[in-house]
PDB file of all heavy atoms in Angstrom:
ATOM      1  N   LYS A   1      -3.734  19.563  -4.693  1.00  0.00           N
ATOM      2  CA  LYS A   1      -2.694  19.139  -5.570  1.00  0.00           C
ATOM      3  C   LYS A   1      -1.803  18.036  -4.873  1.00  0.00           C
ATOM      4  O   LYS A   1      -1.500  17.010  -5.538  1.00  0.00           O
ATOM      5  CB  LYS A   1      -1.812  20.325  -6.033  1.00  0.00           C
ATOM      6  CG  LYS A   1      -0.672  19.867  -7.005  1.00  0.00           C
ATOM      7  CD  LYS A   1       0.243  20.970  -7.400  1.00  0.00           C
ATOM      8  CE  LYS A   1       1.369  20.536  -8.298  1.00  0.00           C
ATOM      9  NZ  LYS A   1       1.825  19.189  -8.280  1.00  0.00           N
ATOM     10  N   LEU A   2      -1.392  18.320  -3.671  1.00  0.00           N
ATOM     11  CA  LEU A   2      -0.640  17.288  -2.953  1.00  0.00           C
ATOM     12  C   LEU A   2      -1.379  16.024  -2.786  1.00  0.00           C
ATOM     13  O   LEU A   2      -0.863  14.919  -3.025  1.00  0.00           O
ATOM     14  CB  LEU A   2      -0.191  17.808  -1.568  1.00  0.00           C
ATOM     15  CG  LEU A   2       0.880  18.901  -1.524  1.00  0.00           C
ATOM     16  CD1 LEU A   2       0.994  19.473  -0.129  1.00  0.00           C
ATOM     17  CD2 LEU A   2       2.182  18.274  -1.951  1.00  0.00           C
ATOM     18  N   ALA A   3      -2.700  16.149  -2.398  1.00  0.00           N
ATOM     19  CA  ALA A   3      -3.520  14.970  -2.252  1.00  0.00           C
ATOM     20  C   ALA A   3      -3.610  14.153  -3.492  1.00  0.00           C
ATOM     21  O   ALA A   3      -3.484  12.962  -3.525  1.00  0.00           O
ATOM     22  CB  ALA A   3      -4.895  15.362  -1.726  1.00  0.00           C
ATOM     23  N   MET A   4      -3.784  14.851  -4.589  1.00  0.00           N
ATOM     24  CA  MET A   4      -3.940  14.155  -5.909  1.00  0.00           C
ATOM     25  C   MET A   4      -2.595  13.548  -6.322  1.00  0.00           C
ATOM     26  O   MET A   4      -2.582  12.373  -6.743  1.00  0.00           O
ATOM     27  CB  MET A   4      -4.413  15.143  -7.047  1.00  0.00           C
ATOM     28  CG  MET A   4      -4.600  14.456  -8.341  1.00  0.00           C
ATOM     29  SD  MET A   4      -5.752  13.067  -8.281  1.00  0.00           S
ATOM     30  CE  MET A   4      -7.303  13.993  -8.434  1.00  0.00           C
ATOM     31  N   ASP A   5      -1.510  14.269  -6.192  1.00  0.00           N
ATOM     32  CA  ASP A   5      -0.153  13.768  -6.515  1.00  0.00           C
ATOM     33  C   ASP A   5       0.083  12.462  -5.711  1.00  0.00           C
ATOM     34  O   ASP A   5       0.600  11.457  -6.270  1.00  0.00           O
ATOM     35  CB  ASP A   5       0.898  14.752  -6.327  1.00  0.00           C
ATOM     36  CG  ASP A   5       0.889  15.886  -7.280  1.00  0.00           C
ATOM     37  OD1 ASP A   5       0.150  15.838  -8.291  1.00  0.00           O
ATOM     38  OD2 ASP A   5       1.581  16.941  -7.038  1.00  0.00           O
ATOM     39  N   TRP A   6      -0.129  12.528  -4.445  1.00  0.00           N
ATOM     40  CA  TRP A   6       0.186  11.397  -3.551  1.00  0.00           C
ATOM     41  C   TRP A   6      -0.765  10.213  -3.811  1.00  0.00           C
ATOM     42  O   TRP A   6      -0.360   9.043  -3.772  1.00  0.00           O
ATOM     43  CB  TRP A   6       0.161  11.808  -2.097  1.00  0.00           C
ATOM     44  CG  TRP A   6       1.270  12.693  -1.661  1.00  0.00           C
ATOM     45  CD1 TRP A   6       2.471  12.889  -2.321  1.00  0.00           C
ATOM     46  CD2 TRP A   6       1.273  13.637  -0.596  1.00  0.00           C
ATOM     47  NE1 TRP A   6       3.252  13.756  -1.628  1.00  0.00           N
ATOM     48  CE2 TRP A   6       2.549  14.314  -0.572  1.00  0.00           C
ATOM     49  CE3 TRP A   6       0.350  13.937   0.366  1.00  0.00           C
ATOM     50  CZ2 TRP A   6       2.851  15.250   0.402  1.00  0.00           C
ATOM     51  CZ3 TRP A   6       0.642  14.911   1.372  1.00  0.00           C
ATOM     52  CH2 TRP A   6       1.958  15.524   1.330  1.00  0.00           C
ATOM     53  N   THR A   7      -2.020  10.495  -4.040  1.00  0.00           N
ATOM     54  CA  THR A   7      -2.972   9.412  -4.361  1.00  0.00           C
ATOM     55  C   THR A   7      -2.579   8.741  -5.654  1.00  0.00           C
ATOM     56  O   THR A   7      -2.513   7.505  -5.674  1.00  0.00           O
ATOM     57  CB  THR A   7      -4.401   9.984  -4.377  1.00  0.00           C
ATOM     58  OG1 THR A   7      -4.722  10.641  -3.188  1.00  0.00           O
ATOM     59  CG2 THR A   7      -5.454   8.878  -4.681  1.00  0.00           C
ATOM     60  N   LYS A   8      -2.385   9.491  -6.721  1.00  0.00           N
ATOM     61  CA  LYS A   8      -2.047   8.951  -8.010  1.00  0.00           C
ATOM     62  C   LYS A   8      -0.680   8.199  -7.890  1.00  0.00           C
ATOM     63  O   LYS A   8      -0.531   7.078  -8.473  1.00  0.00           O
ATOM     64  CB  LYS A   8      -1.914  10.056  -9.032  1.00  0.00           C
ATOM     65  CG  LYS A   8      -3.180  10.466  -9.727  1.00  0.00           C
ATOM     66  CD  LYS A   8      -2.901  11.449 -10.767  1.00  0.00           C
ATOM     67  CE  LYS A   8      -4.132  11.804 -11.572  1.00  0.00           C
ATOM     68  NZ  LYS A   8      -3.848  12.772 -12.642  1.00  0.00           N
ATOM     69  N   GLY A   9       0.298   8.840  -7.233  1.00  0.00           N
ATOM     70  CA  GLY A   9       1.554   8.164  -7.084  1.00  0.00           C
ATOM     71  C   GLY A   9       1.539   6.838  -6.404  1.00  0.00           C
ATOM     72  O   GLY A   9       2.154   5.874  -6.823  1.00  0.00           O
ATOM     73  N   THR A  10       0.763   6.814  -5.311  1.00  0.00           N
ATOM     74  CA  THR A  10       0.652   5.618  -4.569  1.00  0.00           C
ATOM     75  C   THR A  10      -0.088   4.516  -5.372  1.00  0.00           C
ATOM     76  O   THR A  10       0.335   3.380  -5.492  1.00  0.00           O
ATOM     77  CB  THR A  10      -0.221   5.855  -3.273  1.00  0.00           C
ATOM     78  OG1 THR A  10       0.443   6.824  -2.470  1.00  0.00           O
ATOM     79  CG2 THR A  10      -0.330   4.562  -2.474  1.00  0.00           C
ATOM     80  N   TRP A  11      -1.151   4.930  -6.104  1.00  0.00           N
ATOM     81  CA  TRP A  11      -1.938   4.015  -6.876  1.00  0.00           C
ATOM     82  C   TRP A  11      -1.088   3.467  -8.030  1.00  0.00           C
ATOM     83  O   TRP A  11      -1.162   2.257  -8.331  1.00  0.00           O
ATOM     84  CB  TRP A  11      -3.216   4.655  -7.394  1.00  0.00           C
ATOM     85  CG  TRP A  11      -4.273   3.633  -7.858  1.00  0.00           C
ATOM     86  CD1 TRP A  11      -4.648   3.402  -9.092  1.00  0.00           C
ATOM     87  CD2 TRP A  11      -4.981   2.688  -7.026  1.00  0.00           C
ATOM     88  NE1 TRP A  11      -5.575   2.392  -9.150  1.00  0.00           N
ATOM     89  CE2 TRP A  11      -5.801   1.961  -7.857  1.00  0.00           C
ATOM     90  CE3 TRP A  11      -5.010   2.467  -5.660  1.00  0.00           C
ATOM     91  CZ2 TRP A  11      -6.670   0.974  -7.354  1.00  0.00           C
ATOM     92  CZ3 TRP A  11      -5.836   1.429  -5.171  1.00  0.00           C
ATOM     93  CH2 TRP A  11      -6.631   0.753  -6.007  1.00  0.00           C
ATOM     94  N   GLU A  12      -0.292   4.286  -8.672  1.00  0.00           N
ATOM     95  CA  GLU A  12       0.587   3.873  -9.783  1.00  0.00           C
ATOM     96  C   GLU A  12       1.683   2.973  -9.323  1.00  0.00           C
ATOM     97  O   GLU A  12       2.242   2.139 -10.140  1.00  0.00           O
ATOM     98  CB  GLU A  12       1.109   5.116 -10.496  1.00  0.00           C
ATOM     99  CG  GLU A  12       0.059   5.870 -11.318  1.00  0.00           C
ATOM    100  CD  GLU A  12       0.547   7.189 -11.738  1.00  0.00           C
ATOM    101  OE1 GLU A  12       1.716   7.626 -11.465  1.00  0.00           O
ATOM    102  OE2 GLU A  12      -0.257   7.897 -12.445  1.00  0.00           O
ATOM    103  N   ASN A  13       2.035   3.035  -8.057  1.00  0.00           N
ATOM    104  CA  ASN A  13       3.126   2.189  -7.535  1.00  0.00           C
ATOM    105  C   ASN A  13       2.645   1.196  -6.465  1.00  0.00           C
ATOM    106  O   ASN A  13       3.376   0.731  -5.605  1.00  0.00           O
ATOM    107  CB  ASN A  13       4.194   3.109  -6.896  1.00  0.00           C
ATOM    108  CG  ASN A  13       4.907   3.890  -7.967  1.00  0.00           C
ATOM    109  OD1 ASN A  13       5.739   3.398  -8.711  1.00  0.00           O
ATOM    110  ND2 ASN A  13       4.528   5.160  -8.045  1.00  0.00           N
ATOM    111  N   LEU A  14       1.364   0.851  -6.613  1.00  0.00           N
ATOM    112  CA  LEU A  14       0.663   0.022  -5.591  1.00  0.00           C
ATOM    113  C   LEU A  14       1.365  -1.319  -5.424  1.00  0.00           C
ATOM    114  O   LEU A  14       1.530  -1.756  -4.298  1.00  0.00           O
ATOM    115  CB  LEU A  14      -0.805  -0.172  -5.999  1.00  0.00           C
ATOM    116  CG  LEU A  14      -1.727  -0.606  -4.884  1.00  0.00           C
ATOM    117  CD1 LEU A  14      -1.792   0.417  -3.765  1.00  0.00           C
ATOM    118  CD2 LEU A  14      -3.120  -0.816  -5.450  1.00  0.00           C
ATOM    119  N   ALA A  15       1.764  -1.981  -6.459  1.00  0.00           N
ATOM    120  CA  ALA A  15       2.365  -3.296  -6.359  1.00  0.00           C
ATOM    121  C   ALA A  15       3.621  -3.256  -5.516  1.00  0.00           C
ATOM    122  O   ALA A  15       3.859  -4.094  -4.614  1.00  0.00           O
ATOM    123  CB  ALA A  15       2.642  -3.943  -7.720  1.00  0.00           C
ATOM    124  N   GLN A  16       4.475  -2.261  -5.746  1.00  0.00           N
ATOM    125  CA  GLN A  16       5.732  -2.096  -4.979  1.00  0.00           C
ATOM    126  C   GLN A  16       5.387  -1.745  -3.501  1.00  0.00           C
ATOM    127  O   GLN A  16       6.017  -2.328  -2.587  1.00  0.00           O
ATOM    128  CB  GLN A  16       6.591  -1.006  -5.557  1.00  0.00           C
ATOM    129  CG  GLN A  16       7.208  -1.357  -6.910  1.00  0.00           C
ATOM    130  CD  GLN A  16       8.051  -0.259  -7.415  1.00  0.00           C
ATOM    131  OE1 GLN A  16       9.076   0.107  -6.735  1.00  0.00           O
ATOM    132  NE2 GLN A  16       7.719   0.317  -8.545  1.00  0.00           N
ATOM    133  N   CYS A  17       4.443  -0.852  -3.265  1.00  0.00           N
ATOM    134  CA  CYS A  17       4.081  -0.532  -1.913  1.00  0.00           C
ATOM    135  C   CYS A  17       3.474  -1.719  -1.198  1.00  0.00           C
ATOM    136  O   CYS A  17       3.926  -1.976  -0.051  1.00  0.00           O
ATOM    137  CB  CYS A  17       3.046   0.626  -1.957  1.00  0.00           C
ATOM    138  SG  CYS A  17       3.679   2.172  -2.584  1.00  0.00           S
ATOM    139  N   ASP A  18       2.594  -2.445  -1.787  1.00  0.00           N
ATOM    140  CA  ASP A  18       1.971  -3.654  -1.179  1.00  0.00           C
ATOM    141  C   ASP A  18       3.038  -4.714  -0.903  1.00  0.00           C
ATOM    142  O   ASP A  18       2.973  -5.365   0.152  1.00  0.00           O
ATOM    143  CB  ASP A  18       0.859  -4.208  -2.025  1.00  0.00           C
ATOM    144  CG  ASP A  18      -0.403  -3.369  -1.985  1.00  0.00           C
ATOM    145  OD1 ASP A  18      -0.416  -2.390  -1.206  1.00  0.00           O
ATOM    146  OD2 ASP A  18      -1.305  -3.656  -2.791  1.00  0.00           O
ATOM    147  N   GLU A  19       3.978  -4.919  -1.784  1.00  0.00           N
ATOM    148  CA  GLU A  19       4.991  -5.863  -1.635  1.00  0.00           C
ATOM    149  C   GLU A  19       5.831  -5.505  -0.322  1.00  0.00           C
ATOM    150  O   GLU A  19       6.160  -6.405   0.480  1.00  0.00           O
ATOM    151  CB  GLU A  19       5.921  -5.964  -2.805  1.00  0.00           C
ATOM    152  CG  GLU A  19       7.049  -6.987  -2.716  1.00  0.00           C
ATOM    153  CD  GLU A  19       7.902  -6.984  -3.973  1.00  0.00           C
ATOM    154  OE1 GLU A  19       7.379  -6.868  -5.076  1.00  0.00           O
ATOM    155  OE2 GLU A  19       9.149  -7.193  -3.784  1.00  0.00           O
ATOM    156  N   LEU A  20       6.190  -4.277  -0.186  1.00  0.00           N
ATOM    157  CA  LEU A  20       6.915  -3.863   0.967  1.00  0.00           C
ATOM    158  C   LEU A  20       6.123  -4.007   2.262  1.00  0.00           C
ATOM    159  O   LEU A  20       6.677  -4.398   3.330  1.00  0.00           O
ATOM    160  CB  LEU A  20       7.410  -2.368   0.859  1.00  0.00           C
ATOM    161  CG  LEU A  20       8.669  -2.171   0.011  1.00  0.00           C
ATOM    162  CD1 LEU A  20       8.798  -0.695  -0.362  1.00  0.00           C
ATOM    163  CD2 LEU A  20       9.891  -2.641   0.784  1.00  0.00           C
ATOM    164  N   ILE A  21       4.886  -3.748   2.209  1.00  0.00           N
ATOM    165  CA  ILE A  21       3.946  -3.832   3.408  1.00  0.00           C
ATOM    166  C   ILE A  21       3.936  -5.362   3.801  1.00  0.00           C
ATOM    167  O   ILE A  21       4.167  -5.694   4.953  1.00  0.00           O
ATOM    168  CB  ILE A  21       2.577  -3.285   3.103  1.00  0.00           C
ATOM    169  CG1 ILE A  21       2.650  -1.784   2.967  1.00  0.00           C
ATOM    170  CG2 ILE A  21       1.634  -3.701   4.233  1.00  0.00           C
ATOM    171  CD1 ILE A  21       1.378  -1.162   2.333  1.00  0.00           C
ATOM    172  N   VAL A  22       3.597  -6.220   2.805  1.00  0.00           N
ATOM    173  CA  VAL A  22       3.433  -7.647   3.168  1.00  0.00           C
ATOM    174  C   VAL A  22       4.778  -8.237   3.639  1.00  0.00           C
ATOM    175  O   VAL A  22       4.738  -9.040   4.605  1.00  0.00           O
ATOM    176  CB  VAL A  22       2.953  -8.436   1.938  1.00  0.00           C
ATOM    177  CG1 VAL A  22       3.015  -9.947   2.104  1.00  0.00           C
ATOM    178  CG2 VAL A  22       1.501  -7.999   1.615  1.00  0.00           C
ATOM    179  N   SER A  23       5.916  -7.841   3.045  1.00  0.00           N
ATOM    180  CA  SER A  23       7.164  -8.389   3.473  1.00  0.00           C
ATOM    181  C   SER A  23       7.622  -7.830   4.854  1.00  0.00           C
ATOM    182  O   SER A  23       8.548  -8.368   5.458  1.00  0.00           O
ATOM    183  CB  SER A  23       8.255  -8.129   2.432  1.00  0.00           C
ATOM    184  OG  SER A  23       8.565  -6.770   2.392  1.00  0.00           O
ATOM    185  N   SER A  24       6.948  -6.804   5.273  1.00  0.00           N
ATOM    186  CA  SER A  24       7.254  -6.192   6.613  1.00  0.00           C
ATOM    187  C   SER A  24       6.336  -6.497   7.726  1.00  0.00           C
ATOM    188  O   SER A  24       6.480  -6.122   8.819  1.00  0.00           O
ATOM    189  CB  SER A  24       7.353  -4.675   6.470  1.00  0.00           C
ATOM    190  OG  SER A  24       8.351  -4.304   5.504  1.00  0.00           O
ATOM    191  N   THR A  25       5.328  -7.324   7.428  1.00  0.00           N
ATOM    192  CA  THR A  25       4.398  -7.803   8.407  1.00  0.00           C
ATOM    193  C   THR A  25       4.644  -9.325   8.628  1.00  0.00           C
ATOM    194  O   THR A  25       4.920 -10.013   7.716  1.00  0.00           O
ATOM    195  CB  THR A  25       2.927  -7.549   8.009  1.00  0.00           C
ATOM    196  OG1 THR A  25       2.639  -8.206   6.765  1.00  0.00           O
ATOM    197  CG2 THR A  25       2.600  -6.058   7.923  1.00  0.00           C
ATOM    198  N   ILE A  26       4.487  -9.697   9.823  1.00  0.00           N
ATOM    199  CA  ILE A  26       4.696 -11.137  10.169  1.00  0.00           C
ATOM    200  C   ILE A  26       3.324 -11.844  10.069  1.00  0.00           C
ATOM    201  O   ILE A  26       2.435 -11.565  10.846  1.00  0.00           O
ATOM    202  CB  ILE A  26       5.311 -11.283  11.537  1.00  0.00           C
ATOM    203  CG1 ILE A  26       6.620 -10.588  11.581  1.00  0.00           C
ATOM    204  CG2 ILE A  26       5.414 -12.739  11.899  1.00  0.00           C
ATOM    205  CD1 ILE A  26       7.233 -10.489  13.001  1.00  0.00           C
ATOM    206  N   LYS A  27       3.223 -12.713   9.043  1.00  0.00           N
ATOM    207  CA  LYS A  27       2.073 -13.530   8.863  1.00  0.00           C
ATOM    208  C   LYS A  27       0.776 -12.749   8.627  1.00  0.00           C
ATOM    209  O   LYS A  27      -0.300 -13.101   9.034  1.00  0.00           O
ATOM    210  CB  LYS A  27       1.809 -14.493  10.059  1.00  0.00           C
ATOM    211  CG  LYS A  27       2.980 -15.481  10.269  1.00  0.00           C
ATOM    212  CD  LYS A  27       2.717 -16.312  11.440  1.00  0.00           C
ATOM    213  CE  LYS A  27       3.930 -17.197  11.659  1.00  0.00           C
ATOM    214  NZ  LYS A  27       3.804 -17.972  12.886  1.00  0.00           N
ATOM    215  N   TRP A  28       0.879 -11.544   8.018  1.00  0.00           N
ATOM    216  CA  TRP A  28      -0.261 -10.736   7.720  1.00  0.00           C
ATOM    217  C   TRP A  28      -0.276 -10.432   6.257  1.00  0.00           C
ATOM    218  O   TRP A  28       0.517  -9.697   5.728  1.00  0.00           O
ATOM    219  CB  TRP A  28      -0.191  -9.409   8.449  1.00  0.00           C
ATOM    220  CG  TRP A  28      -0.561  -9.481   9.899  1.00  0.00           C
ATOM    221  CD1 TRP A  28       0.190  -9.969  10.915  1.00  0.00           C
ATOM    222  CD2 TRP A  28      -1.817  -9.030  10.470  1.00  0.00           C
ATOM    223  NE1 TRP A  28      -0.513  -9.866  12.080  1.00  0.00           N
ATOM    224  CE2 TRP A  28      -1.752  -9.351  11.850  1.00  0.00           C
ATOM    225  CE3 TRP A  28      -2.930  -8.480   9.985  1.00  0.00           C
ATOM    226  CZ2 TRP A  28      -2.771  -9.010  12.733  1.00  0.00           C
ATOM    227  CZ3 TRP A  28      -4.022  -8.163  10.846  1.00  0.00           C
ATOM    228  CH2 TRP A  28      -3.817  -8.497  12.231  1.00  0.00           C
ATOM    229  N   GLY A  29      -1.259 -11.010   5.556  1.00  0.00           N
ATOM    230  CA  GLY A  29      -1.451 -10.665   4.157  1.00  0.00           C
ATOM    231  C   GLY A  29      -2.300  -9.351   4.077  1.00  0.00           C
ATOM    232  O   GLY A  29      -2.900  -8.957   5.085  1.00  0.00           O
ATOM    233  N   LEU A  30      -2.330  -8.759   2.933  1.00  0.00           N
ATOM    234  CA  LEU A  30      -3.090  -7.525   2.707  1.00  0.00           C
ATOM    235  C   LEU A  30      -4.537  -7.726   3.060  1.00  0.00           C
ATOM    236  O   LEU A  30      -5.237  -6.839   3.613  1.00  0.00           O
ATOM    237  CB  LEU A  30      -2.959  -7.028   1.269  1.00  0.00           C
ATOM    238  CG  LEU A  30      -1.696  -6.314   0.932  1.00  0.00           C
ATOM    239  CD1 LEU A  30      -1.647  -5.900  -0.520  1.00  0.00           C
ATOM    240  CD2 LEU A  30      -1.524  -5.098   1.830  1.00  0.00           C
ATOM    241  N   SER A  31      -5.097  -8.901   2.765  1.00  0.00           N
ATOM    242  CA  SER A  31      -6.534  -9.172   3.016  1.00  0.00           C
ATOM    243  C   SER A  31      -6.835  -9.143   4.490  1.00  0.00           C
ATOM    244  O   SER A  31      -8.034  -8.932   4.871  1.00  0.00           O
ATOM    245  CB  SER A  31      -6.952 -10.493   2.412  1.00  0.00           C
ATOM    246  OG  SER A  31      -6.230 -11.594   3.046  1.00  0.00           O
ATOM    247  N   ARG A  32      -5.869  -9.326   5.370  1.00  0.00           N
ATOM    248  CA  ARG A  32      -6.119  -9.310   6.793  1.00  0.00           C
ATOM    249  C   ARG A  32      -6.084  -7.913   7.391  1.00  0.00           C
ATOM    250  O   ARG A  32      -6.418  -7.672   8.549  1.00  0.00           O
ATOM    251  CB  ARG A  32      -5.121 -10.206   7.590  1.00  0.00           C
ATOM    252  CG  ARG A  32      -5.375 -11.668   7.332  1.00  0.00           C
ATOM    253  CD  ARG A  32      -4.534 -12.519   8.203  1.00  0.00           C
ATOM    254  NE  ARG A  32      -4.802 -12.259   9.673  1.00  0.00           N
ATOM    255  CZ  ARG A  32      -4.035 -12.573  10.669  1.00  0.00           C
ATOM    256  NH1 ARG A  32      -2.892 -13.170  10.398  1.00  0.00           N
ATOM    257  NH2 ARG A  32      -4.363 -12.342  11.881  1.00  0.00           N
ATOM    258  N   LEU A  33      -5.543  -6.966   6.626  1.00  0.00           N
ATOM    259  CA  LEU A  33      -5.376  -5.584   7.147  1.00  0.00           C
ATOM    260  C   LEU A  33      -6.709  -4.853   7.145  1.00  0.00           C
ATOM    261  O   LEU A  33      -7.457  -4.997   6.155  1.00  0.00           O
ATOM    262  CB  LEU A  33      -4.330  -4.873   6.349  1.00  0.00           C
ATOM    263  CG  LEU A  33      -2.933  -5.283   6.343  1.00  0.00           C
ATOM    264  CD1 LEU A  33      -2.031  -4.404   5.486  1.00  0.00           C
ATOM    265  CD2 LEU A  33      -2.355  -5.292   7.788  1.00  0.00           C
ATOM    266  N   CYS A  34      -6.907  -4.106   8.190  1.00  0.00           N
ATOM    267  CA  CYS A  34      -8.054  -3.154   8.242  1.00  0.00           C
ATOM    268  C   CYS A  34      -7.920  -2.212   6.980  1.00  0.00           C
ATOM    269  O   CYS A  34      -6.850  -1.699   6.737  1.00  0.00           O
ATOM    270  CB  CYS A  34      -7.993  -2.400   9.492  1.00  0.00           C
ATOM    271  SG  CYS A  34      -8.914  -0.853   9.575  1.00  0.00           S
ATOM    272  N   PRO A  35      -8.996  -1.965   6.206  1.00  0.00           N
ATOM    273  CA  PRO A  35      -8.885  -1.143   5.001  1.00  0.00           C
ATOM    274  C   PRO A  35      -8.283   0.271   5.319  1.00  0.00           C
ATOM    275  O   PRO A  35      -7.576   0.741   4.463  1.00  0.00           O
ATOM    276  CB  PRO A  35     -10.318  -1.065   4.533  1.00  0.00           C
ATOM    277  CG  PRO A  35     -11.006  -2.284   5.066  1.00  0.00           C
ATOM    278  CD  PRO A  35     -10.303  -2.525   6.365  1.00  0.00           C
ATOM    279  N   VAL A  36      -8.647   0.815   6.430  1.00  0.00           N
ATOM    280  CA  VAL A  36      -8.111   2.163   6.771  1.00  0.00           C
ATOM    281  C   VAL A  36      -6.588   2.069   7.005  1.00  0.00           C
ATOM    282  O   VAL A  36      -5.816   2.842   6.473  1.00  0.00           O
ATOM    283  CB  VAL A  36      -8.801   2.740   8.024  1.00  0.00           C
ATOM    284  CG1 VAL A  36      -8.136   4.017   8.450  1.00  0.00           C
ATOM    285  CG2 VAL A  36     -10.278   2.955   7.764  1.00  0.00           C
TER     286      VAL A  36
END
């Protein structure tokens, strides 16, 4: 249940999460990140 809730929640808010990640990395776009 936790895994599903967190997976769905992350996926539904992916744009916001990705924006925070990209804005917090220096010169690293999402495409440069290791998939894991």
